[in-house]
Amino acid sequence: MAKIVMVIGSPRKKSNSEIIADKIAEGAKANGYEIVKYKINDLESARGCQGCGACKKAGVCVQNDGIKPMLEDIKASEGVILATPEYFGQPTAQFRLAQDRMFSFVDGTFTPFFPAGKKCAVVVTCGTGYDGAKAMADQIEGVMAGFFKFQPLGKIVVKDAMAPGCVADDKGVMDEALAIGKKF
């Protein structure tokens, strides 16, 4: 069965970004995809990129920690759902840790180790500052498309999402998430 990998960057349990990502996953699952979820905050021994460059020769990250299975699953997947809240104008530290380790997806000339065309959906939630969160979502999508040759399917940016779980009752957001998921 084809696989979609979810990368959840929020440290909160059942965060708004995770709720939206789950709805995207529901749409993908309806199309027959297996969903694999990684909540970065819950991984044991997750470490950032060490800048060792060994991945450029090996084709994989040589660190053996909680992030490595996520990287392997992404490489074998049909696509990803990336979700993070915005903290002080940036993705969470958890999300950045996972994103930096994706450096192992490209060789020394920045050519991906896997074929182009994997699919990608992005979710960013924030308390205020929609424009900054939108720019951040664009940047995340741009990295995935530009460096790794993923095909963007859509992104959702939600502001005023401070209260845990508040997006679950927003029919417009949930419908948009489901529609993006069905593009997988």
N, C-alpha and C. Protein backbone atom coordinates (compact mmCIF):
# COMPACT_ATOMS: atom_id res chain seq x y z
N MET A 1 0.85 -1.18 0.00
CA MET A 1 0.00 0.00 0.00
C MET A 1 0.89 1.24 0.00
N ALA A 2 0.54 2.22 -0.80
CA ALA A 2 1.29 3.47 -0.85
C ALA A 2 1.14 4.23 0.47
N LYS A 3 2.19 4.96 0.82
CA LYS A 3 2.28 5.57 2.14
C LYS A 3 2.37 7.09 2.04
N ILE A 4 1.70 7.77 2.98
CA ILE A 4 1.83 9.21 3.20
C ILE A 4 2.37 9.38 4.61
N VAL A 5 3.39 10.22 4.76
CA VAL A 5 4.02 10.44 6.06
C VAL A 5 3.61 11.80 6.60
N MET A 6 3.14 11.80 7.83
CA MET A 6 2.81 13.05 8.52
C MET A 6 3.96 13.42 9.45
N VAL A 7 4.37 14.68 9.40
CA VAL A 7 5.39 15.19 10.30
C VAL A 7 4.73 16.29 11.13
N ILE A 8 4.55 16.02 12.41
CA ILE A 8 3.87 16.96 13.30
C ILE A 8 4.91 17.66 14.16
N GLY A 9 5.02 18.98 13.98
CA GLY A 9 6.02 19.76 14.69
C GLY A 9 5.55 20.39 15.98
N SER A 10 4.28 20.27 16.30
CA SER A 10 3.78 20.87 17.54
C SER A 10 4.12 20.01 18.74
N PRO A 11 4.56 20.64 19.84
CA PRO A 11 4.78 19.88 21.06
C PRO A 11 3.49 19.54 21.80
N ARG A 12 2.39 20.22 21.47
CA ARG A 12 1.11 19.97 22.15
C ARG A 12 0.48 18.67 21.70
N LYS A 13 -0.19 18.02 22.62
CA LYS A 13 -1.02 16.86 22.27
C LYS A 13 -2.28 17.38 21.61
N LYS A 14 -2.68 16.77 20.51
CA LYS A 14 -3.88 17.15 19.75
C LYS A 14 -3.91 18.66 19.47
N SER A 15 -2.80 19.15 18.98
CA SER A 15 -2.68 20.57 18.64
C SER A 15 -3.55 20.90 17.43
N ASN A 16 -3.75 22.17 17.21
CA ASN A 16 -4.54 22.60 16.06
C ASN A 16 -3.87 22.19 14.75
N SER A 17 -2.56 22.31 14.66
CA SER A 17 -1.88 21.91 13.42
C SER A 17 -2.03 20.40 13.20
N GLU A 18 -1.99 19.63 14.28
CA GLU A 18 -2.17 18.18 14.16
C GLU A 18 -3.60 17.83 13.76
N ILE A 19 -4.58 18.52 14.32
CA ILE A 19 -5.99 18.26 13.97
C ILE A 19 -6.21 18.49 12.48
N ILE A 20 -5.65 19.57 11.96
CA ILE A 20 -5.79 19.86 10.52
C ILE A 20 -5.06 18.80 9.70
N ALA A 21 -3.85 18.45 10.11
CA ALA A 21 -3.09 17.42 9.39
C ALA A 21 -3.84 16.09 9.41
N ASP A 22 -4.46 15.75 10.54
CA ASP A 22 -5.25 14.52 10.62
C ASP A 22 -6.40 14.53 9.61
N LYS A 23 -7.01 15.69 9.40
CA LYS A 23 -8.11 15.77 8.43
C LYS A 23 -7.58 15.62 7.01
N ILE A 24 -6.41 16.19 6.72
CA ILE A 24 -5.78 15.97 5.41
C ILE A 24 -5.52 14.47 5.24
N ALA A 25 -4.98 13.85 6.28
CA ALA A 25 -4.69 12.41 6.23
C ALA A 25 -5.97 11.60 5.99
N GLU A 26 -7.07 12.04 6.56
CA GLU A 26 -8.35 11.35 6.35
C GLU A 26 -8.70 11.33 4.86
N GLY A 27 -8.48 12.44 4.18
CA GLY A 27 -8.74 12.50 2.75
C GLY A 27 -7.82 11.57 1.96
N ALA A 28 -6.55 11.53 2.34
CA ALA A 28 -5.59 10.64 1.67
C ALA A 28 -5.93 9.18 1.94
N LYS A 29 -6.33 8.90 3.17
CA LYS A 29 -6.69 7.52 3.54
C LYS A 29 -7.90 7.05 2.73
N ALA A 30 -8.83 7.97 2.47
CA ALA A 30 -10.00 7.63 1.66
C ALA A 30 -9.60 7.23 0.24
N ASN A 31 -8.43 7.67 -0.19
CA ASN A 31 -7.92 7.30 -1.51
C ASN A 31 -7.01 6.07 -1.46
N GLY A 32 -6.98 5.39 -0.32
CA GLY A 32 -6.26 4.14 -0.22
C GLY A 32 -4.85 4.22 0.33
N TYR A 33 -4.43 5.37 0.80
CA TYR A 33 -3.08 5.50 1.34
C TYR A 33 -2.99 5.03 2.79
N GLU A 34 -1.86 4.44 3.11
CA GLU A 34 -1.51 4.15 4.49
C GLU A 34 -0.92 5.44 5.06
N ILE A 35 -1.29 5.79 6.27
CA ILE A 35 -0.80 7.01 6.91
C ILE A 35 0.15 6.63 8.04
N VAL A 36 1.33 7.25 8.03
CA VAL A 36 2.31 7.05 9.09
C VAL A 36 2.56 8.42 9.71
N LYS A 37 2.33 8.52 11.02
CA LYS A 37 2.46 9.81 11.71
C LYS A 37 3.68 9.82 12.62
N TYR A 38 4.45 10.90 12.48
CA TYR A 38 5.59 11.15 13.37
C TYR A 38 5.36 12.45 14.10
N LYS A 39 5.24 12.35 15.42
CA LYS A 39 5.15 13.53 16.27
C LYS A 39 6.56 13.75 16.82
N ILE A 40 7.23 14.73 16.27
CA ILE A 40 8.65 14.91 16.56
C ILE A 40 8.92 15.03 18.06
N ASN A 41 8.04 15.70 18.78
CA ASN A 41 8.24 15.89 20.21
C ASN A 41 8.22 14.57 20.99
N ASP A 42 7.58 13.56 20.43
CA ASP A 42 7.46 12.27 21.11
C ASP A 42 8.57 11.28 20.74
N LEU A 43 9.41 11.63 19.78
CA LEU A 43 10.48 10.71 19.37
C LEU A 43 11.59 10.68 20.42
N GLU A 44 12.11 9.51 20.64
CA GLU A 44 13.23 9.39 21.59
C GLU A 44 14.54 9.68 20.86
N SER A 45 15.42 10.32 21.54
CA SER A 45 16.77 10.59 21.09
C SER A 45 16.86 11.30 19.74
N ALA A 46 15.90 12.14 19.41
CA ALA A 46 15.94 12.88 18.15
C ALA A 46 17.01 13.97 18.23
N ARG A 47 17.89 13.98 17.24
CA ARG A 47 18.98 14.94 17.20
C ARG A 47 18.92 15.72 15.90
N GLY A 48 19.45 16.91 15.93
CA GLY A 48 19.53 17.74 14.73
C GLY A 48 20.62 17.26 13.79
N CYS A 49 20.62 17.81 12.60
CA CYS A 49 21.67 17.52 11.62
C CYS A 49 23.02 17.91 12.24
N GLN A 50 23.99 17.01 12.09
CA GLN A 50 25.32 17.26 12.64
C GLN A 50 26.26 17.87 11.60
N GLY A 51 25.78 18.06 10.38
CA GLY A 51 26.60 18.67 9.34
C GLY A 51 27.82 17.85 8.97
N CYS A 52 27.75 16.54 9.20
CA CYS A 52 28.91 15.68 8.96
C CYS A 52 29.14 15.40 7.48
N GLY A 53 28.07 15.51 6.67
CA GLY A 53 28.18 15.28 5.24
C GLY A 53 28.22 13.82 4.83
N ALA A 54 28.18 12.89 5.77
CA ALA A 54 28.23 11.47 5.43
C ALA A 54 27.06 11.05 4.54
N CYS A 55 25.92 11.73 4.68
CA CYS A 55 24.74 11.39 3.87
C CYS A 55 24.98 11.64 2.38
N LYS A 56 25.88 12.52 2.07
CA LYS A 56 26.14 12.84 0.66
C LYS A 56 26.77 11.65 -0.07
N LYS A 57 27.48 10.81 0.68
CA LYS A 57 28.08 9.60 0.10
C LYS A 57 27.18 8.39 0.31
N ALA A 58 26.59 8.29 1.50
CA ALA A 58 25.79 7.12 1.86
C ALA A 58 24.39 7.13 1.25
N GLY A 59 23.87 8.33 0.97
CA GLY A 59 22.52 8.43 0.44
C GLY A 59 21.45 8.40 1.51
N VAL A 60 21.87 8.27 2.76
CA VAL A 60 20.97 8.27 3.91
C VAL A 60 21.68 8.96 5.07
N CYS A 61 20.89 9.44 6.02
CA CYS A 61 21.47 10.00 7.23
C CYS A 61 22.10 8.85 8.02
N VAL A 62 23.31 9.08 8.50
CA VAL A 62 24.01 8.01 9.22
C VAL A 62 23.72 8.01 10.72
N GLN A 63 23.01 9.03 11.20
CA GLN A 63 22.64 9.03 12.62
C GLN A 63 21.57 7.97 12.88
N ASN A 64 21.73 7.26 13.95
CA ASN A 64 20.74 6.24 14.33
C ASN A 64 19.98 6.74 15.55
N ASP A 65 18.90 7.47 15.28
CA ASP A 65 18.10 8.03 16.36
C ASP A 65 16.63 7.97 15.97
N GLY A 66 15.78 8.65 16.70
CA GLY A 66 14.34 8.60 16.46
C GLY A 66 13.89 9.24 15.16
N ILE A 67 14.71 10.08 14.55
CA ILE A 67 14.34 10.74 13.28
C ILE A 67 14.60 9.82 12.08
N LYS A 68 15.57 8.95 12.18
CA LYS A 68 15.97 8.14 11.03
C LYS A 68 14.81 7.34 10.40
N PRO A 69 13.95 6.67 11.18
CA PRO A 69 12.83 5.96 10.55
C PRO A 69 11.89 6.90 9.78
N MET A 70 11.70 8.13 10.29
CA MET A 70 10.87 9.10 9.58
C MET A 70 11.49 9.43 8.23
N LEU A 71 12.79 9.66 8.21
CA LEU A 71 13.47 9.98 6.95
C LEU A 71 13.34 8.83 5.96
N GLU A 72 13.53 7.61 6.45
CA GLU A 72 13.40 6.44 5.57
C GLU A 72 11.98 6.29 5.04
N ASP A 73 10.99 6.54 5.91
CA ASP A 73 9.60 6.45 5.46
C ASP A 73 9.27 7.53 4.43
N ILE A 74 9.79 8.73 4.62
CA ILE A 74 9.54 9.79 3.64
C ILE A 74 10.14 9.41 2.29
N LYS A 75 11.35 8.90 2.30
CA LYS A 75 11.99 8.51 1.04
C LYS A 75 11.18 7.43 0.31
N ALA A 76 10.53 6.54 1.06
CA ALA A 76 9.76 5.45 0.47
C ALA A 76 8.30 5.82 0.21
N SER A 77 7.90 7.01 0.62
CA SER A 77 6.49 7.40 0.55
C SER A 77 6.10 8.01 -0.80
N GLU A 78 4.79 8.21 -0.93
CA GLU A 78 4.25 8.95 -2.06
C GLU A 78 4.17 10.44 -1.76
N GLY A 79 4.24 10.79 -0.46
CA GLY A 79 4.16 12.20 -0.11
C GLY A 79 4.16 12.43 1.39
N VAL A 80 4.10 13.72 1.74
CA VAL A 80 4.15 14.13 3.14
C VAL A 80 3.09 15.18 3.46
N ILE A 81 2.72 15.19 4.72
CA ILE A 81 1.90 16.26 5.30
C ILE A 81 2.77 16.86 6.40
N LEU A 82 3.12 18.12 6.25
CA LEU A 82 4.00 18.81 7.19
C LEU A 82 3.18 19.82 7.97
N ALA A 83 3.22 19.75 9.30
CA ALA A 83 2.39 20.62 10.13
C ALA A 83 3.19 21.18 11.29
N THR A 84 3.06 22.49 11.49
CA THR A 84 3.73 23.15 12.60
C THR A 84 2.99 24.42 12.98
N PRO A 85 2.97 24.75 14.25
CA PRO A 85 2.54 26.10 14.61
C PRO A 85 3.69 27.08 14.38
N GLU A 86 3.34 28.33 14.32
CA GLU A 86 4.35 29.38 14.23
C GLU A 86 4.66 29.86 15.64
N TYR A 87 5.92 29.85 16.00
CA TYR A 87 6.38 30.37 17.29
C TYR A 87 7.36 31.50 17.00
N PHE A 88 6.99 32.71 17.37
CA PHE A 88 7.86 33.87 17.18
C PHE A 88 8.34 34.02 15.74
N GLY A 89 7.42 33.79 14.80
CA GLY A 89 7.73 33.97 13.40
C GLY A 89 8.48 32.82 12.75
N GLN A 90 8.62 31.71 13.46
CA GLN A 90 9.37 30.56 12.96
C GLN A 90 8.60 29.28 13.19
N PRO A 91 8.95 28.21 12.46
CA PRO A 91 8.40 26.90 12.82
C PRO A 91 8.93 26.51 14.19
N THR A 92 8.30 25.56 14.84
CA THR A 92 8.79 25.10 16.14
C THR A 92 10.19 24.48 16.00
N ALA A 93 10.88 24.43 17.11
CA ALA A 93 12.20 23.78 17.13
C ALA A 93 12.08 22.32 16.70
N GLN A 94 10.99 21.67 17.10
CA GLN A 94 10.78 20.27 16.74
C GLN A 94 10.69 20.12 15.22
N PHE A 95 9.92 21.01 14.59
CA PHE A 95 9.79 20.94 13.13
C PHE A 95 11.13 21.20 12.45
N ARG A 96 11.84 22.20 12.93
CA ARG A 96 13.14 22.54 12.33
C ARG A 96 14.13 21.39 12.47
N LEU A 97 14.08 20.69 13.59
CA LEU A 97 14.96 19.54 13.77
C LEU A 97 14.70 18.51 12.67
N ALA A 98 13.43 18.22 12.42
CA ALA A 98 13.08 17.26 11.37
C ALA A 98 13.43 17.79 9.99
N GLN A 99 13.13 19.06 9.74
CA GLN A 99 13.40 19.65 8.43
C GLN A 99 14.90 19.67 8.13
N ASP A 100 15.72 20.03 9.10
CA ASP A 100 17.16 20.06 8.88
C ASP A 100 17.71 18.68 8.53
N ARG A 101 17.14 17.65 9.11
CA ARG A 101 17.61 16.30 8.82
C ARG A 101 17.26 15.87 7.39
N MET A 102 16.32 16.56 6.75
CA MET A 102 16.00 16.27 5.36
C MET A 102 17.15 16.63 4.42
N PHE A 103 18.17 17.30 4.95
CA PHE A 103 19.38 17.57 4.18
C PHE A 103 19.95 16.27 3.62
N SER A 104 19.67 15.16 4.28
CA SER A 104 20.15 13.85 3.83
C SER A 104 19.42 13.37 2.57
N PHE A 105 18.40 14.08 2.12
CA PHE A 105 17.66 13.69 0.92
C PHE A 105 18.37 14.08 -0.37
N VAL A 106 19.41 14.92 -0.27
CA VAL A 106 20.09 15.40 -1.48
C VAL A 106 21.57 15.06 -1.44
N ASP A 107 22.14 14.88 -2.63
CA ASP A 107 23.57 14.61 -2.71
C ASP A 107 24.35 15.93 -2.64
N GLY A 108 25.63 15.87 -2.89
CA GLY A 108 26.48 17.05 -2.79
C GLY A 108 26.18 18.14 -3.80
N THR A 109 25.45 17.79 -4.86
CA THR A 109 25.04 18.80 -5.86
C THR A 109 23.58 19.21 -5.66
N PHE A 110 23.00 18.82 -4.54
CA PHE A 110 21.60 19.09 -4.19
C PHE A 110 20.60 18.42 -5.13
N THR A 111 20.99 17.28 -5.67
CA THR A 111 20.09 16.44 -6.45
C THR A 111 19.48 15.42 -5.50
N PRO A 112 18.14 15.32 -5.46
CA PRO A 112 17.51 14.37 -4.54
C PRO A 112 17.91 12.92 -4.83
N PHE A 113 17.97 12.12 -3.78
CA PHE A 113 18.27 10.70 -3.89
C PHE A 113 17.04 9.89 -4.30
N PHE A 114 15.91 10.54 -4.54
CA PHE A 114 14.69 9.85 -4.94
C PHE A 114 14.06 10.60 -6.11
N PRO A 115 13.19 9.94 -6.86
CA PRO A 115 12.58 10.58 -8.03
C PRO A 115 11.70 11.78 -7.66
N ALA A 116 11.63 12.74 -8.54
CA ALA A 116 10.76 13.91 -8.36
C ALA A 116 9.30 13.48 -8.39
N GLY A 117 8.45 14.31 -7.79
CA GLY A 117 7.01 14.10 -7.92
C GLY A 117 6.29 13.62 -6.68
N LYS A 118 7.01 13.41 -5.57
CA LYS A 118 6.29 13.11 -4.33
C LYS A 118 5.38 14.30 -4.03
N LYS A 119 4.31 14.07 -3.32
CA LYS A 119 3.34 15.13 -3.04
C LYS A 119 3.52 15.69 -1.64
N CYS A 120 3.10 16.95 -1.48
CA CYS A 120 3.32 17.63 -0.21
C CYS A 120 2.15 18.55 0.13
N ALA A 121 1.70 18.49 1.38
CA ALA A 121 0.72 19.44 1.92
C ALA A 121 1.33 20.07 3.16
N VAL A 122 1.04 21.35 3.38
CA VAL A 122 1.63 22.10 4.49
C VAL A 122 0.53 22.72 5.34
N VAL A 123 0.71 22.65 6.66
CA VAL A 123 -0.21 23.26 7.62
C VAL A 123 0.60 24.15 8.56
N VAL A 124 0.17 25.40 8.71
CA VAL A 124 0.77 26.30 9.69
C VAL A 124 -0.36 26.98 10.46
N THR A 125 -0.27 26.93 11.77
CA THR A 125 -1.23 27.63 12.62
C THR A 125 -0.49 28.70 13.41
N CYS A 126 -1.24 29.73 13.79
CA CYS A 126 -0.61 30.81 14.56
C CYS A 126 -1.66 31.51 15.41
N GLY A 127 -1.19 32.23 16.40
CA GLY A 127 -2.09 33.00 17.25
C GLY A 127 -2.49 34.30 16.56
N THR A 128 -1.53 34.99 16.05
CA THR A 128 -1.77 36.23 15.31
C THR A 128 -0.76 36.29 14.18
N GLY A 129 -0.84 37.29 13.37
CA GLY A 129 0.17 37.48 12.32
C GLY A 129 0.02 36.54 11.15
N TYR A 130 -1.14 36.56 10.51
CA TYR A 130 -1.40 35.68 9.38
C TYR A 130 -0.34 35.83 8.29
N ASP A 131 0.06 37.04 7.97
CA ASP A 131 1.00 37.25 6.87
C ASP A 131 2.33 36.54 7.12
N GLY A 132 2.81 36.60 8.35
CA GLY A 132 4.05 35.90 8.68
C GLY A 132 3.90 34.40 8.61
N ALA A 133 2.77 33.89 9.08
CA ALA A 133 2.52 32.45 9.03
C ALA A 133 2.37 31.98 7.59
N LYS A 134 1.73 32.78 6.76
CA LYS A 134 1.58 32.45 5.33
C LYS A 134 2.95 32.42 4.66
N ALA A 135 3.79 33.40 4.97
CA ALA A 135 5.15 33.42 4.40
C ALA A 135 5.93 32.19 4.84
N MET A 136 5.73 31.78 6.09
CA MET A 136 6.42 30.59 6.59
C MET A 136 5.92 29.34 5.86
N ALA A 137 4.61 29.22 5.65
CA ALA A 137 4.06 28.08 4.90
C ALA A 137 4.61 28.07 3.47
N ASP A 138 4.69 29.25 2.86
CA ASP A 138 5.25 29.34 1.51
C ASP A 138 6.71 28.88 1.50
N GLN A 139 7.46 29.24 2.54
CA GLN A 139 8.87 28.87 2.63
C GLN A 139 9.02 27.36 2.79
N ILE A 140 8.20 26.76 3.65
CA ILE A 140 8.26 25.31 3.84
C ILE A 140 7.93 24.59 2.53
N GLU A 141 6.87 25.03 1.89
CA GLU A 141 6.48 24.45 0.61
C GLU A 141 7.59 24.66 -0.43
N GLY A 142 8.20 25.83 -0.43
CA GLY A 142 9.27 26.13 -1.36
C GLY A 142 10.48 25.24 -1.19
N VAL A 143 10.84 24.93 0.06
CA VAL A 143 11.95 24.01 0.32
C VAL A 143 11.62 22.63 -0.24
N MET A 144 10.42 22.17 0.02
CA MET A 144 10.04 20.83 -0.44
C MET A 144 10.01 20.74 -1.97
N ALA A 145 9.48 21.77 -2.61
CA ALA A 145 9.40 21.78 -4.07
C ALA A 145 10.76 22.08 -4.71
N GLY A 146 11.46 23.06 -4.16
CA GLY A 146 12.70 23.50 -4.77
C GLY A 146 13.86 22.54 -4.58
N PHE A 147 14.09 22.10 -3.36
CA PHE A 147 15.23 21.23 -3.08
C PHE A 147 14.94 19.76 -3.35
N PHE A 148 13.72 19.33 -3.00
CA PHE A 148 13.42 17.89 -3.05
C PHE A 148 12.47 17.50 -4.17
N LYS A 149 12.02 18.50 -4.95
CA LYS A 149 11.17 18.27 -6.13
C LYS A 149 9.82 17.64 -5.81
N PHE A 150 9.27 18.00 -4.64
CA PHE A 150 7.92 17.57 -4.28
C PHE A 150 6.90 18.41 -5.05
N GLN A 151 5.75 17.84 -5.29
CA GLN A 151 4.64 18.54 -5.94
C GLN A 151 3.70 19.08 -4.86
N PRO A 152 3.60 20.40 -4.71
CA PRO A 152 2.70 20.96 -3.69
C PRO A 152 1.23 20.71 -4.04
N LEU A 153 0.46 20.23 -3.07
CA LEU A 153 -0.97 20.00 -3.26
C LEU A 153 -1.82 21.09 -2.63
N GLY A 154 -1.24 21.81 -1.69
CA GLY A 154 -1.98 22.88 -1.02
C GLY A 154 -1.43 23.12 0.36
N LYS A 155 -1.79 24.27 0.88
CA LYS A 155 -1.37 24.60 2.24
C LYS A 155 -2.52 25.30 2.94
N ILE A 156 -2.54 25.12 4.24
CA ILE A 156 -3.56 25.74 5.08
C ILE A 156 -2.85 26.56 6.15
N VAL A 157 -3.23 27.81 6.25
CA VAL A 157 -2.71 28.70 7.29
C VAL A 157 -3.90 29.21 8.08
N VAL A 158 -3.86 29.00 9.40
CA VAL A 158 -4.97 29.41 10.25
C VAL A 158 -4.44 30.30 11.36
N LYS A 159 -5.02 31.49 11.48
CA LYS A 159 -4.65 32.37 12.59
C LYS A 159 -5.72 32.31 13.68
N ASP A 160 -5.44 32.93 14.80
CA ASP A 160 -6.32 32.89 15.96
C ASP A 160 -6.53 31.45 16.44
N ALA A 161 -5.48 30.65 16.34
CA ALA A 161 -5.56 29.24 16.70
C ALA A 161 -4.78 28.96 17.99
N MET A 162 -5.02 29.78 19.00
CA MET A 162 -4.31 29.62 20.27
C MET A 162 -4.95 28.58 21.19
N ALA A 163 -6.27 28.56 21.24
CA ALA A 163 -6.96 27.63 22.13
C ALA A 163 -6.82 26.20 21.59
N PRO A 164 -6.34 25.27 22.40
CA PRO A 164 -6.20 23.90 21.93
C PRO A 164 -7.51 23.34 21.37
N GLY A 165 -7.42 22.79 20.16
CA GLY A 165 -8.57 22.16 19.54
C GLY A 165 -9.57 23.07 18.87
N CYS A 166 -9.32 24.37 18.87
CA CYS A 166 -10.33 25.30 18.36
C CYS A 166 -10.62 25.14 16.87
N VAL A 167 -9.70 24.59 16.10
CA VAL A 167 -9.93 24.46 14.66
C VAL A 167 -10.89 23.32 14.32
N ALA A 168 -11.08 22.40 15.23
CA ALA A 168 -11.92 21.23 14.96
C ALA A 168 -13.35 21.61 14.59
N ASP A 169 -13.82 22.73 15.10
CA ASP A 169 -15.20 23.17 14.83
C ASP A 169 -15.29 24.15 13.66
N ASP A 170 -14.17 24.43 13.00
CA ASP A 170 -14.17 25.35 11.86
C ASP A 170 -14.41 24.54 10.59
N LYS A 171 -15.68 24.49 10.17
CA LYS A 171 -16.07 23.67 9.03
C LYS A 171 -15.29 24.02 7.77
N GLY A 172 -15.05 25.31 7.54
CA GLY A 172 -14.31 25.73 6.35
C GLY A 172 -12.90 25.16 6.32
N VAL A 173 -12.22 25.23 7.45
CA VAL A 173 -10.85 24.71 7.53
C VAL A 173 -10.85 23.19 7.37
N MET A 174 -11.77 22.52 8.05
CA MET A 174 -11.82 21.06 7.97
C MET A 174 -12.17 20.58 6.55
N ASP A 175 -13.09 21.28 5.90
CA ASP A 175 -13.45 20.92 4.52
C ASP A 175 -12.27 21.14 3.58
N GLU A 176 -11.55 22.25 3.76
CA GLU A 176 -10.37 22.52 2.93
C GLU A 176 -9.29 21.45 3.16
N ALA A 177 -9.09 21.06 4.40
CA ALA A 177 -8.10 20.03 4.72
C ALA A 177 -8.46 18.70 4.06
N LEU A 178 -9.72 18.32 4.17
CA LEU A 178 -10.16 17.07 3.55
C LEU A 178 -9.96 17.10 2.04
N ALA A 179 -10.29 18.24 1.42
CA ALA A 179 -10.12 18.39 -0.04
C ALA A 179 -8.65 18.28 -0.45
N ILE A 180 -7.75 18.87 0.33
CA ILE A 180 -6.32 18.73 0.03
C ILE A 180 -5.90 17.27 0.16
N GLY A 181 -6.37 16.62 1.20
CA GLY A 181 -6.02 15.20 1.39
C GLY A 181 -6.47 14.32 0.25
N LYS A 182 -7.59 14.63 -0.34
CA LYS A 182 -8.10 13.83 -1.45
C LYS A 182 -7.30 14.04 -2.73
N LYS A 183 -6.41 15.04 -2.74
CA LYS A 183 -5.51 15.24 -3.90
C LYS A 183 -4.36 14.26 -3.90
N PHE A 184 -4.13 13.58 -2.77
CA PHE A 184 -3.08 12.56 -2.73
C PHE A 184 -3.53 11.36 -3.54
